[in-house]
Amino acid sequence: MNFIAIDFETANEQRNSACEIGICVVKDSQIVESKAWLIRPPELRFNSFNTYLHGISAKNVQHEPAFDALWPQLRPYLENQLVLAHNASFDLSVLRSLMDYYHITYPELTYSCSLSIAKKVWLGQPSYRLNALAEMLAISLDHHQALSDAIACARITLLACQKREVQSIEDMEKKLSVKAGRLFCGGYAPCTSIRKRMPLLGKQL
């Protein structure tokens, strides 16, 4: 499996308020690179709860680059790649919000969700939150640190793929019933969990 796992942390309730991104690169089912960047949000307004979770404040990012300045570094990691995130609907909405705010053209990429994948592989868990899965699978995690979260997302995905013998994005749909989403110039298609139809019992009159 080849993919990029990402995680965003935000300063407040606005999706374009990313203050950190973590990226983990997986090649041939091995983690080969991991890196994080602090980001200066468009507005230096940090909710106390957000800061409590990730420990980042306005002081930490006031001299860091804004997302548009970082994009030339980030783009090669994401463009034309399979991107994974835990609760991907959130992280991809952060990415789209940032690109909309800075008038950046969406890159072409495919994405999927390690949370949806985990629900298909480890049935009946009391929680599928990243920290709960990491504890269950004995994955080291410093929760709400973007780099650690991205690495945990990658490890969960790798363990799930190993368990179900998934080797490609096509396998994810066939074996896990998780349909990948897409980001493309001018729009996006969401990642979805496919519900299999139950066979009808008895004869139909």
N, C-alpha and C. Protein backbone atom coordinates (compact mmCIF):
# COMPACT_ATOMS: atom_id res chain seq x y z
N MET A 1 0.84 -1.20 0.00
CA MET A 1 0.00 0.00 0.00
C MET A 1 0.88 1.25 0.00
N ASN A 2 0.47 2.19 -0.81
CA ASN A 2 1.11 3.52 -0.83
C ASN A 2 0.05 4.57 -0.52
N PHE A 3 0.29 5.39 0.47
CA PHE A 3 -0.65 6.46 0.78
C PHE A 3 0.02 7.52 1.67
N ILE A 4 -0.69 8.63 1.85
CA ILE A 4 -0.26 9.71 2.71
C ILE A 4 -1.30 9.89 3.80
N ALA A 5 -0.91 9.77 5.07
CA ALA A 5 -1.82 10.03 6.18
C ALA A 5 -1.61 11.47 6.65
N ILE A 6 -2.72 12.18 6.91
CA ILE A 6 -2.61 13.58 7.34
C ILE A 6 -3.48 13.81 8.56
N ASP A 7 -3.15 14.86 9.29
CA ASP A 7 -3.98 15.32 10.40
C ASP A 7 -3.83 16.83 10.53
N PHE A 8 -4.97 17.53 10.68
CA PHE A 8 -4.99 18.96 10.95
C PHE A 8 -5.41 19.21 12.39
N GLU A 9 -4.81 20.22 13.01
CA GLU A 9 -5.30 20.79 14.26
C GLU A 9 -5.75 22.22 13.95
N THR A 10 -6.83 22.66 14.59
CA THR A 10 -7.39 23.98 14.31
C THR A 10 -7.37 24.87 15.54
N ALA A 11 -7.38 26.18 15.28
CA ALA A 11 -7.31 27.17 16.35
C ALA A 11 -8.67 27.44 16.97
N ASN A 12 -9.72 27.34 16.16
CA ASN A 12 -11.06 27.64 16.65
C ASN A 12 -12.08 26.86 15.82
N GLU A 13 -13.33 27.28 15.89
CA GLU A 13 -14.40 26.54 15.22
C GLU A 13 -14.40 26.70 13.70
N GLN A 14 -13.66 27.65 13.18
CA GLN A 14 -13.59 27.86 11.74
C GLN A 14 -12.71 26.80 11.08
N ARG A 15 -13.21 26.20 10.01
CA ARG A 15 -12.44 25.13 9.36
C ARG A 15 -11.16 25.65 8.70
N ASN A 16 -11.09 26.94 8.40
CA ASN A 16 -9.86 27.46 7.79
C ASN A 16 -8.84 27.92 8.84
N SER A 17 -9.07 27.55 10.11
CA SER A 17 -8.18 28.03 11.18
C SER A 17 -7.09 27.03 11.51
N ALA A 18 -6.66 26.22 10.55
CA ALA A 18 -5.61 25.23 10.80
C ALA A 18 -4.38 25.89 11.40
N CYS A 19 -3.87 25.29 12.47
CA CYS A 19 -2.65 25.81 13.10
C CYS A 19 -1.51 24.80 13.04
N GLU A 20 -1.81 23.58 12.61
CA GLU A 20 -0.77 22.56 12.46
C GLU A 20 -1.25 21.49 11.50
N ILE A 21 -0.32 20.95 10.72
CA ILE A 21 -0.60 19.78 9.88
C ILE A 21 0.51 18.76 10.08
N GLY A 22 0.11 17.51 10.22
CA GLY A 22 1.06 16.41 10.27
C GLY A 22 0.87 15.53 9.04
N ILE A 23 1.97 15.05 8.49
CA ILE A 23 1.93 14.21 7.29
C ILE A 23 2.81 12.98 7.52
N CYS A 24 2.28 11.82 7.16
CA CYS A 24 3.03 10.56 7.27
C CYS A 24 2.99 9.87 5.91
N VAL A 25 4.14 9.56 5.37
CA VAL A 25 4.25 8.97 4.03
C VAL A 25 4.47 7.46 4.15
N VAL A 26 3.60 6.70 3.47
CA VAL A 26 3.70 5.24 3.47
C VAL A 26 4.00 4.77 2.05
N LYS A 27 5.09 4.02 1.90
CA LYS A 27 5.46 3.42 0.62
C LYS A 27 5.66 1.93 0.82
N ASP A 28 5.03 1.14 -0.03
CA ASP A 28 5.13 -0.32 0.06
C ASP A 28 4.84 -0.81 1.48
N SER A 29 3.80 -0.21 2.08
CA SER A 29 3.30 -0.59 3.41
C SER A 29 4.31 -0.31 4.53
N GLN A 30 5.24 0.61 4.28
CA GLN A 30 6.20 1.02 5.30
C GLN A 30 6.17 2.54 5.44
N ILE A 31 6.23 3.01 6.69
CA ILE A 31 6.34 4.45 6.92
C ILE A 31 7.75 4.90 6.57
N VAL A 32 7.88 5.80 5.61
CA VAL A 32 9.20 6.21 5.15
C VAL A 32 9.52 7.67 5.50
N GLU A 33 8.50 8.43 5.87
CA GLU A 33 8.73 9.83 6.21
C GLU A 33 7.56 10.34 7.03
N SER A 34 7.84 11.22 7.98
CA SER A 34 6.77 11.89 8.74
C SER A 34 7.27 13.28 9.12
N LYS A 35 6.35 14.24 9.04
CA LYS A 35 6.75 15.63 9.23
C LYS A 35 5.54 16.45 9.64
N ALA A 36 5.78 17.52 10.40
CA ALA A 36 4.70 18.42 10.81
C ALA A 36 5.13 19.87 10.61
N TRP A 37 4.15 20.70 10.34
CA TRP A 37 4.37 22.14 10.18
C TRP A 37 3.36 22.90 11.04
N LEU A 38 3.81 23.93 11.73
CA LEU A 38 2.90 24.88 12.35
C LEU A 38 2.42 25.85 11.28
N ILE A 39 1.18 26.31 11.42
CA ILE A 39 0.56 27.19 10.43
C ILE A 39 -0.02 28.41 11.14
N ARG A 40 0.19 29.57 10.59
CA ARG A 40 -0.46 30.77 11.13
C ARG A 40 -1.85 30.90 10.51
N PRO A 41 -2.90 30.78 11.32
CA PRO A 41 -4.25 30.88 10.77
C PRO A 41 -4.54 32.29 10.25
N PRO A 42 -5.56 32.45 9.41
CA PRO A 42 -5.92 33.79 8.93
C PRO A 42 -6.24 34.75 10.07
N GLU A 43 -6.81 34.21 11.14
CA GLU A 43 -7.14 35.02 12.31
C GLU A 43 -6.47 34.40 13.53
N LEU A 44 -5.70 35.17 14.27
CA LEU A 44 -5.00 34.63 15.43
C LEU A 44 -5.94 34.59 16.65
N ARG A 45 -7.01 33.84 16.50
CA ARG A 45 -8.00 33.66 17.57
C ARG A 45 -8.06 32.19 17.92
N PHE A 46 -7.59 31.88 19.12
CA PHE A 46 -7.55 30.49 19.58
C PHE A 46 -8.59 30.28 20.67
N ASN A 47 -9.49 29.32 20.44
CA ASN A 47 -10.41 28.92 21.50
C ASN A 47 -9.62 28.23 22.60
N SER A 48 -9.99 28.50 23.84
CA SER A 48 -9.27 27.90 24.97
C SER A 48 -9.36 26.38 24.93
N PHE A 49 -10.50 25.85 24.48
CA PHE A 49 -10.65 24.39 24.42
C PHE A 49 -9.71 23.79 23.39
N ASN A 50 -9.59 24.43 22.22
CA ASN A 50 -8.67 23.93 21.20
C ASN A 50 -7.24 23.92 21.71
N THR A 51 -6.85 25.02 22.35
CA THR A 51 -5.49 25.10 22.90
C THR A 51 -5.29 24.05 23.98
N TYR A 52 -6.32 23.80 24.78
CA TYR A 52 -6.24 22.76 25.80
C TYR A 52 -5.96 21.39 25.16
N LEU A 53 -6.58 21.13 24.01
CA LEU A 53 -6.41 19.84 23.35
C LEU A 53 -5.01 19.68 22.76
N HIS A 54 -4.58 20.66 21.96
CA HIS A 54 -3.31 20.47 21.23
C HIS A 54 -2.14 21.28 21.78
N GLY A 55 -2.39 22.19 22.70
CA GLY A 55 -1.30 22.93 23.33
C GLY A 55 -0.74 24.07 22.50
N ILE A 56 -1.37 24.39 21.38
CA ILE A 56 -0.88 25.45 20.50
C ILE A 56 -1.66 26.72 20.77
N SER A 57 -0.94 27.84 20.88
CA SER A 57 -1.57 29.14 21.12
C SER A 57 -1.15 30.11 20.02
N ALA A 58 -1.76 31.29 20.04
CA ALA A 58 -1.41 32.32 19.06
C ALA A 58 0.08 32.65 19.12
N LYS A 59 0.64 32.65 20.30
CA LYS A 59 2.07 32.97 20.47
C LYS A 59 2.96 31.97 19.71
N ASN A 60 2.52 30.71 19.67
CA ASN A 60 3.33 29.67 19.02
C ASN A 60 3.38 29.81 17.51
N VAL A 61 2.35 30.44 16.92
CA VAL A 61 2.25 30.45 15.46
C VAL A 61 2.32 31.85 14.85
N GLN A 62 2.45 32.87 15.66
CA GLN A 62 2.37 34.24 15.12
C GLN A 62 3.45 34.54 14.08
N HIS A 63 4.59 33.84 14.16
CA HIS A 63 5.67 34.07 13.19
C HIS A 63 5.82 32.91 12.20
N GLU A 64 4.87 31.98 12.22
CA GLU A 64 4.91 30.84 11.30
C GLU A 64 4.27 31.24 9.97
N PRO A 65 4.56 30.50 8.90
CA PRO A 65 3.96 30.82 7.59
C PRO A 65 2.47 30.52 7.55
N ALA A 66 1.74 31.31 6.79
CA ALA A 66 0.34 31.01 6.51
C ALA A 66 0.26 29.83 5.55
N PHE A 67 -0.93 29.26 5.40
CA PHE A 67 -1.08 28.06 4.59
C PHE A 67 -0.67 28.29 3.14
N ASP A 68 -1.00 29.43 2.58
CA ASP A 68 -0.65 29.67 1.17
C ASP A 68 0.85 29.70 0.96
N ALA A 69 1.60 30.15 1.98
CA ALA A 69 3.06 30.13 1.87
C ALA A 69 3.61 28.71 2.01
N LEU A 70 2.92 27.87 2.77
CA LEU A 70 3.35 26.48 2.94
C LEU A 70 2.95 25.58 1.79
N TRP A 71 1.94 25.97 1.04
CA TRP A 71 1.37 25.09 0.03
C TRP A 71 2.41 24.54 -0.96
N PRO A 72 3.37 25.32 -1.45
CA PRO A 72 4.37 24.73 -2.36
C PRO A 72 5.12 23.55 -1.75
N GLN A 73 5.31 23.54 -0.42
CA GLN A 73 5.95 22.40 0.23
C GLN A 73 4.99 21.22 0.40
N LEU A 74 3.73 21.53 0.66
CA LEU A 74 2.75 20.49 0.94
C LEU A 74 2.22 19.82 -0.32
N ARG A 75 2.13 20.57 -1.38
CA ARG A 75 1.49 20.07 -2.59
C ARG A 75 2.08 18.76 -3.10
N PRO A 76 3.40 18.59 -3.17
CA PRO A 76 3.95 17.33 -3.69
C PRO A 76 3.55 16.11 -2.85
N TYR A 77 3.27 16.32 -1.56
CA TYR A 77 2.85 15.21 -0.71
C TYR A 77 1.43 14.75 -1.03
N LEU A 78 0.59 15.67 -1.50
CA LEU A 78 -0.84 15.39 -1.62
C LEU A 78 -1.32 15.16 -3.05
N GLU A 79 -0.77 15.89 -3.98
CA GLU A 79 -1.28 15.84 -5.34
C GLU A 79 -1.09 14.48 -5.98
N ASN A 80 -2.17 13.95 -6.58
CA ASN A 80 -2.17 12.65 -7.25
C ASN A 80 -1.81 11.49 -6.31
N GLN A 81 -2.19 11.64 -5.05
CA GLN A 81 -1.91 10.62 -4.05
C GLN A 81 -3.21 10.10 -3.45
N LEU A 82 -3.12 8.95 -2.78
CA LEU A 82 -4.19 8.47 -1.92
C LEU A 82 -3.92 9.04 -0.53
N VAL A 83 -4.86 9.83 -0.02
CA VAL A 83 -4.70 10.51 1.26
C VAL A 83 -5.65 9.87 2.27
N LEU A 84 -5.13 9.53 3.44
CA LEU A 84 -5.93 8.96 4.53
C LEU A 84 -5.97 9.93 5.70
N ALA A 85 -7.10 9.99 6.37
CA ALA A 85 -7.23 10.75 7.61
C ALA A 85 -8.23 10.03 8.49
N HIS A 86 -8.12 10.23 9.79
CA HIS A 86 -9.08 9.64 10.72
C HIS A 86 -10.21 10.63 10.91
N ASN A 87 -11.39 10.23 10.46
CA ASN A 87 -12.52 11.15 10.28
C ASN A 87 -12.17 12.11 9.14
N ALA A 88 -11.99 11.54 7.98
CA ALA A 88 -11.51 12.30 6.82
C ALA A 88 -12.42 13.45 6.42
N SER A 89 -13.71 13.33 6.72
CA SER A 89 -14.62 14.43 6.36
C SER A 89 -14.20 15.73 7.02
N PHE A 90 -13.66 15.65 8.25
CA PHE A 90 -13.17 16.84 8.92
C PHE A 90 -11.89 17.36 8.28
N ASP A 91 -10.88 16.51 8.17
CA ASP A 91 -9.57 16.98 7.69
C ASP A 91 -9.64 17.46 6.25
N LEU A 92 -10.43 16.79 5.42
CA LEU A 92 -10.54 17.24 4.04
C LEU A 92 -11.35 18.53 3.94
N SER A 93 -12.30 18.73 4.87
CA SER A 93 -13.03 20.00 4.86
C SER A 93 -12.12 21.15 5.31
N VAL A 94 -11.18 20.86 6.21
CA VAL A 94 -10.18 21.87 6.59
C VAL A 94 -9.32 22.23 5.38
N LEU A 95 -8.85 21.21 4.67
CA LEU A 95 -8.03 21.46 3.48
C LEU A 95 -8.80 22.28 2.45
N ARG A 96 -10.05 21.91 2.17
CA ARG A 96 -10.84 22.66 1.19
C ARG A 96 -11.09 24.10 1.66
N SER A 97 -11.36 24.27 2.93
CA SER A 97 -11.62 25.62 3.45
C SER A 97 -10.39 26.50 3.32
N LEU A 98 -9.24 25.95 3.59
CA LEU A 98 -8.00 26.71 3.44
C LEU A 98 -7.77 27.10 1.98
N MET A 99 -7.99 26.16 1.09
CA MET A 99 -7.76 26.44 -0.32
C MET A 99 -8.77 27.44 -0.85
N ASP A 100 -10.01 27.36 -0.37
CA ASP A 100 -11.02 28.35 -0.77
C ASP A 100 -10.63 29.73 -0.26
N TYR A 101 -10.19 29.79 0.99
CA TYR A 101 -9.85 31.08 1.58
C TYR A 101 -8.71 31.76 0.82
N TYR A 102 -7.71 30.97 0.46
CA TYR A 102 -6.52 31.53 -0.21
C TYR A 102 -6.61 31.45 -1.73
N HIS A 103 -7.76 31.05 -2.25
CA HIS A 103 -7.98 30.99 -3.70
C HIS A 103 -6.95 30.10 -4.39
N ILE A 104 -6.73 28.94 -3.79
CA ILE A 104 -5.80 27.96 -4.34
C ILE A 104 -6.62 26.88 -5.06
N THR A 105 -6.21 26.51 -6.25
CA THR A 105 -6.90 25.47 -7.00
C THR A 105 -6.75 24.13 -6.30
N TYR A 106 -7.87 23.40 -6.17
CA TYR A 106 -7.81 22.09 -5.54
C TYR A 106 -6.86 21.18 -6.30
N PRO A 107 -6.05 20.39 -5.58
CA PRO A 107 -5.24 19.38 -6.26
C PRO A 107 -6.08 18.16 -6.60
N GLU A 108 -5.62 17.38 -7.55
CA GLU A 108 -6.25 16.10 -7.83
C GLU A 108 -5.73 15.08 -6.82
N LEU A 109 -6.63 14.48 -6.06
CA LEU A 109 -6.24 13.43 -5.13
C LEU A 109 -7.43 12.53 -4.82
N THR A 110 -7.12 11.34 -4.34
CA THR A 110 -8.12 10.40 -3.86
C THR A 110 -7.96 10.30 -2.35
N TYR A 111 -9.06 10.14 -1.63
CA TYR A 111 -8.90 10.05 -0.18
C TYR A 111 -9.85 9.03 0.42
N SER A 112 -9.45 8.54 1.60
CA SER A 112 -10.28 7.60 2.33
C SER A 112 -10.13 7.88 3.82
N CYS A 113 -10.87 7.12 4.62
CA CYS A 113 -11.01 7.43 6.05
C CYS A 113 -10.64 6.21 6.89
N SER A 114 -9.65 6.35 7.76
CA SER A 114 -9.24 5.22 8.60
C SER A 114 -10.31 4.89 9.64
N LEU A 115 -11.15 5.85 10.02
CA LEU A 115 -12.24 5.59 10.95
C LEU A 115 -13.26 4.64 10.29
N SER A 116 -13.65 4.95 9.06
CA SER A 116 -14.58 4.08 8.34
C SER A 116 -13.98 2.70 8.10
N ILE A 117 -12.70 2.66 7.78
CA ILE A 117 -12.03 1.38 7.56
C ILE A 117 -12.02 0.56 8.84
N ALA A 118 -11.70 1.20 9.96
CA ALA A 118 -11.64 0.49 11.25
C ALA A 118 -12.99 -0.11 11.61
N LYS A 119 -14.07 0.60 11.32
CA LYS A 119 -15.41 0.09 11.62
C LYS A 119 -15.72 -1.17 10.84
N LYS A 120 -15.13 -1.32 9.66
CA LYS A 120 -15.36 -2.51 8.84
C LYS A 120 -14.49 -3.69 9.28
N VAL A 121 -13.36 -3.39 9.90
CA VAL A 121 -12.39 -4.44 10.23
C VAL A 121 -12.53 -4.94 11.66
N TRP A 122 -12.68 -4.02 12.62
CA TRP A 122 -12.79 -4.39 14.03
C TRP A 122 -14.22 -4.10 14.50
N LEU A 123 -15.08 -5.07 14.30
CA LEU A 123 -16.50 -4.89 14.57
C LEU A 123 -16.77 -4.82 16.07
N GLY A 124 -17.78 -4.04 16.43
CA GLY A 124 -18.28 -4.05 17.80
C GLY A 124 -17.43 -3.34 18.83
N GLN A 125 -16.53 -2.46 18.40
CA GLN A 125 -15.72 -1.70 19.35
C GLN A 125 -16.58 -0.64 20.05
N PRO A 126 -16.34 -0.39 21.33
CA PRO A 126 -17.11 0.64 22.03
C PRO A 126 -16.84 2.04 21.50
N SER A 127 -15.66 2.25 20.93
CA SER A 127 -15.32 3.56 20.36
C SER A 127 -14.34 3.37 19.22
N TYR A 128 -14.50 4.20 18.20
CA TYR A 128 -13.57 4.19 17.07
C TYR A 128 -12.78 5.49 17.00
N ARG A 129 -12.77 6.22 18.10
CA ARG A 129 -11.92 7.41 18.16
C ARG A 129 -10.46 6.99 18.01
N LEU A 130 -9.66 7.91 17.54
CA LEU A 130 -8.26 7.60 17.26
C LEU A 130 -7.55 7.08 18.51
N ASN A 131 -7.77 7.74 19.64
CA ASN A 131 -7.07 7.31 20.86
C ASN A 131 -7.54 5.95 21.34
N ALA A 132 -8.85 5.64 21.17
CA ALA A 132 -9.36 4.34 21.58
C ALA A 132 -8.78 3.22 20.71
N LEU A 133 -8.73 3.45 19.41
CA LEU A 133 -8.16 2.44 18.50
C LEU A 133 -6.66 2.27 18.75
N ALA A 134 -5.98 3.38 18.99
CA ALA A 134 -4.54 3.29 19.25
C ALA A 134 -4.27 2.46 20.50
N GLU A 135 -5.07 2.64 21.52
CA GLU A 135 -4.91 1.86 22.75
C GLU A 135 -5.19 0.38 22.48
N MET A 136 -6.26 0.09 21.75
CA MET A 136 -6.62 -1.29 21.45
C MET A 136 -5.53 -2.00 20.65
N LEU A 137 -4.91 -1.26 19.73
CA LEU A 137 -3.94 -1.86 18.82
C LEU A 137 -2.49 -1.65 19.28
N ALA A 138 -2.33 -1.12 20.50
CA ALA A 138 -1.00 -0.89 21.08
C ALA A 138 -0.14 0.02 20.20
N ILE A 139 -0.77 1.08 19.70
CA ILE A 139 -0.07 2.08 18.89
C ILE A 139 0.25 3.28 19.77
N SER A 140 1.48 3.70 19.80
CA SER A 140 1.87 4.87 20.58
C SER A 140 1.20 6.12 20.02
N LEU A 141 0.66 6.95 20.90
CA LEU A 141 -0.07 8.13 20.44
C LEU A 141 0.04 9.26 21.45
N ASP A 142 0.40 10.43 20.96
CA ASP A 142 0.31 11.68 21.72
C ASP A 142 -0.86 12.43 21.09
N HIS A 143 -2.05 12.17 21.60
CA HIS A 143 -3.28 12.59 20.93
C HIS A 143 -3.37 14.10 20.78
N HIS A 144 -3.86 14.52 19.60
CA HIS A 144 -4.04 15.92 19.20
C HIS A 144 -2.71 16.62 18.91
N GLN A 145 -1.63 15.85 18.78
CA GLN A 145 -0.41 16.36 18.17
C GLN A 145 -0.45 15.88 16.72
N ALA A 146 -0.44 16.80 15.78
CA ALA A 146 -0.74 16.45 14.39
C ALA A 146 0.16 15.35 13.84
N LEU A 147 1.44 15.39 14.17
CA LEU A 147 2.35 14.37 13.66
C LEU A 147 2.02 13.00 14.23
N SER A 148 1.81 12.94 15.54
CA SER A 148 1.48 11.67 16.18
C SER A 148 0.15 11.13 15.68
N ASP A 149 -0.84 12.00 15.49
CA ASP A 149 -2.14 11.56 14.98
C ASP A 149 -2.03 11.02 13.56
N ALA A 150 -1.23 11.68 12.72
CA ALA A 150 -1.05 11.22 11.35
C ALA A 150 -0.37 9.85 11.32
N ILE A 151 0.63 9.66 12.16
CA ILE A 151 1.33 8.37 12.22
C ILE A 151 0.39 7.28 12.72
N ALA A 152 -0.43 7.59 13.73
CA ALA A 152 -1.38 6.60 14.24
C ALA A 152 -2.41 6.24 13.18
N CYS A 153 -2.88 7.23 12.42
CA CYS A 153 -3.80 6.97 11.32
C CYS A 153 -3.16 6.01 10.32
N ALA A 154 -1.90 6.25 9.99
CA ALA A 154 -1.19 5.38 9.05
C ALA A 154 -1.08 3.95 9.59
N ARG A 155 -0.73 3.82 10.86
CA ARG A 155 -0.54 2.49 11.45
C ARG A 155 -1.86 1.73 11.54
N ILE A 156 -2.94 2.42 11.91
CA ILE A 156 -4.25 1.78 11.95
C ILE A 156 -4.63 1.27 10.56
N THR A 157 -4.41 2.10 9.56
CA THR A 157 -4.74 1.72 8.19
C THR A 157 -3.91 0.53 7.74
N LEU A 158 -2.63 0.53 8.05
CA LEU A 158 -1.76 -0.58 7.66
C LEU A 158 -2.18 -1.89 8.33
N LEU A 159 -2.53 -1.83 9.62
CA LEU A 159 -2.97 -3.03 10.32
C LEU A 159 -4.29 -3.55 9.75
N ALA A 160 -5.19 -2.62 9.43
CA ALA A 160 -6.47 -3.01 8.84
C ALA A 160 -6.27 -3.66 7.47
N CYS A 161 -5.41 -3.05 6.67
CA CYS A 161 -5.15 -3.59 5.33
C CYS A 161 -4.48 -4.96 5.41
N GLN A 162 -3.58 -5.12 6.36
CA GLN A 162 -2.94 -6.42 6.55
C GLN A 162 -3.95 -7.48 6.96
N LYS A 163 -4.84 -7.12 7.86
CA LYS A 163 -5.83 -8.07 8.39
C LYS A 163 -6.78 -8.54 7.29
N ARG A 164 -7.15 -7.62 6.39
CA ARG A 164 -8.11 -7.96 5.33
C ARG A 164 -7.45 -8.15 3.95
N GLU A 165 -6.13 -8.19 3.93
CA GLU A 165 -5.38 -8.40 2.69
C GLU A 165 -5.75 -7.37 1.62
N VAL A 166 -5.76 -6.13 2.04
CA VAL A 166 -6.03 -5.00 1.14
C VAL A 166 -4.71 -4.46 0.62
N GLN A 167 -4.58 -4.36 -0.70
CA GLN A 167 -3.33 -3.91 -1.30
C GLN A 167 -3.50 -2.70 -2.21
N SER A 168 -4.73 -2.22 -2.37
CA SER A 168 -4.96 -1.10 -3.28
C SER A 168 -6.24 -0.38 -2.90
N ILE A 169 -6.46 0.78 -3.50
CA ILE A 169 -7.68 1.52 -3.27
C ILE A 169 -8.88 0.74 -3.78
N GLU A 170 -8.69 -0.04 -4.83
CA GLU A 170 -9.79 -0.87 -5.35
C GLU A 170 -10.16 -1.95 -4.33
N ASP A 171 -9.15 -2.51 -3.66
CA ASP A 171 -9.42 -3.51 -2.62
C ASP A 171 -10.21 -2.92 -1.47
N MET A 172 -9.96 -1.66 -1.15
CA MET A 172 -10.70 -1.03 -0.05
C MET A 172 -12.20 -1.04 -0.31
N GLU A 173 -12.55 -0.79 -1.57
CA GLU A 173 -13.97 -0.79 -1.91
C GLU A 173 -14.52 -2.21 -1.94
N LYS A 174 -13.78 -3.16 -2.53
CA LYS A 174 -14.29 -4.52 -2.69
C LYS A 174 -14.32 -5.28 -1.38
N LYS A 175 -13.25 -5.16 -0.57
CA LYS A 175 -13.12 -5.98 0.63
C LYS A 175 -13.61 -5.29 1.89
N LEU A 176 -13.61 -3.96 1.90
CA LEU A 176 -14.02 -3.23 3.10
C LEU A 176 -15.29 -2.42 2.91
N SER A 177 -15.79 -2.36 1.69
CA SER A 177 -17.00 -1.58 1.38
C SER A 177 -16.85 -0.12 1.76
N VAL A 178 -15.67 0.43 1.52
CA VAL A 178 -15.41 1.85 1.74
C VAL A 178 -15.03 2.46 0.40
N LYS A 179 -15.89 3.34 -0.09
CA LYS A 179 -15.66 3.98 -1.39
C LYS A 179 -14.87 5.26 -1.20
N ALA A 180 -13.77 5.38 -1.90
CA ALA A 180 -12.90 6.54 -1.75
C ALA A 180 -13.57 7.80 -2.27
N GLY A 181 -13.18 8.92 -1.68
CA GLY A 181 -13.60 10.23 -2.17
C GLY A 181 -12.55 10.81 -3.10
N ARG A 182 -12.87 11.94 -3.70
CA ARG A 182 -11.94 12.60 -4.60
C ARG A 182 -11.97 14.10 -4.37
N LEU A 183 -10.82 14.70 -4.54
CA LEU A 183 -10.71 16.15 -4.62
C LEU A 183 -10.19 16.45 -6.01
N PHE A 184 -10.78 17.43 -6.68
CA PHE A 184 -10.38 17.72 -8.05
C PHE A 184 -10.64 19.19 -8.33
N CYS A 185 -10.07 19.68 -9.37
CA CYS A 185 -10.21 21.08 -9.74
C CYS A 185 -11.70 21.43 -9.85
N GLY A 186 -12.16 22.31 -8.97
CA GLY A 186 -13.53 22.76 -9.02
C GLY A 186 -14.50 22.02 -8.14
N GLY A 187 -14.05 20.98 -7.42
CA GLY A 187 -15.01 20.29 -6.58
C GLY A 187 -14.44 19.08 -5.86
N TYR A 188 -15.36 18.30 -5.29
CA TYR A 188 -14.95 17.09 -4.57
C TYR A 188 -16.11 16.10 -4.53
N ALA A 189 -15.77 14.84 -4.29
CA ALA A 189 -16.75 13.79 -4.06
C ALA A 189 -16.42 13.14 -2.73
N PRO A 190 -17.40 12.98 -1.83
CA PRO A 190 -17.09 12.50 -0.49
C PRO A 190 -16.73 11.02 -0.45
N CYS A 191 -15.95 10.66 0.57
CA CYS A 191 -15.69 9.26 0.88
C CYS A 191 -16.93 8.69 1.55
N THR A 192 -17.34 7.49 1.18
CA THR A 192 -18.56 6.92 1.73
C THR A 192 -18.37 5.46 2.13
N SER A 193 -19.16 5.05 3.11
CA SER A 193 -19.21 3.66 3.52
C SER A 193 -20.36 2.99 2.80
N ILE A 194 -20.08 1.90 2.09
CA ILE A 194 -21.09 1.22 1.29
C ILE A 194 -21.84 0.23 2.16
N ARG A 195 -23.15 0.35 2.18
CA ARG A 195 -23.98 -0.59 2.93
C ARG A 195 -24.45 -1.69 1.99
N LYS A 196 -24.11 -2.91 2.34
CA LYS A 196 -24.50 -4.04 1.50
C LYS A 196 -25.97 -4.36 1.74
N ARG A 197 -26.67 -4.64 0.65
CA ARG A 197 -28.08 -4.99 0.75
C ARG A 197 -28.23 -6.41 1.31
N MET A 198 -29.15 -6.54 2.25
CA MET A 198 -29.43 -7.86 2.79
C MET A 198 -30.32 -8.63 1.81
N PRO A 199 -30.06 -9.91 1.62
CA PRO A 199 -30.90 -10.69 0.69
C PRO A 199 -32.30 -10.85 1.24
N LEU A 200 -33.26 -10.81 0.35
CA LEU A 200 -34.65 -11.00 0.75
C LEU A 200 -34.89 -12.46 1.10
N LEU A 201 -35.63 -12.68 2.18
CA LEU A 201 -35.92 -14.05 2.62
C LEU A 201 -37.28 -14.49 2.05
N GLY A 202 -37.35 -15.71 1.63
CA GLY A 202 -38.60 -16.25 1.13
C GLY A 202 -38.88 -15.83 -0.29
N LYS A 203 -39.94 -16.31 -0.82
CA LYS A 203 -40.33 -15.99 -2.20
C LYS A 203 -41.18 -14.74 -2.22
N GLN A 204 -41.00 -13.97 -3.28
CA GLN A 204 -41.84 -12.81 -3.49
C GLN A 204 -43.02 -13.21 -4.37
N LEU A 205 -44.20 -12.82 -3.95
CA LEU A 205 -45.40 -13.15 -4.72
C LEU A 205 -45.68 -12.09 -5.74
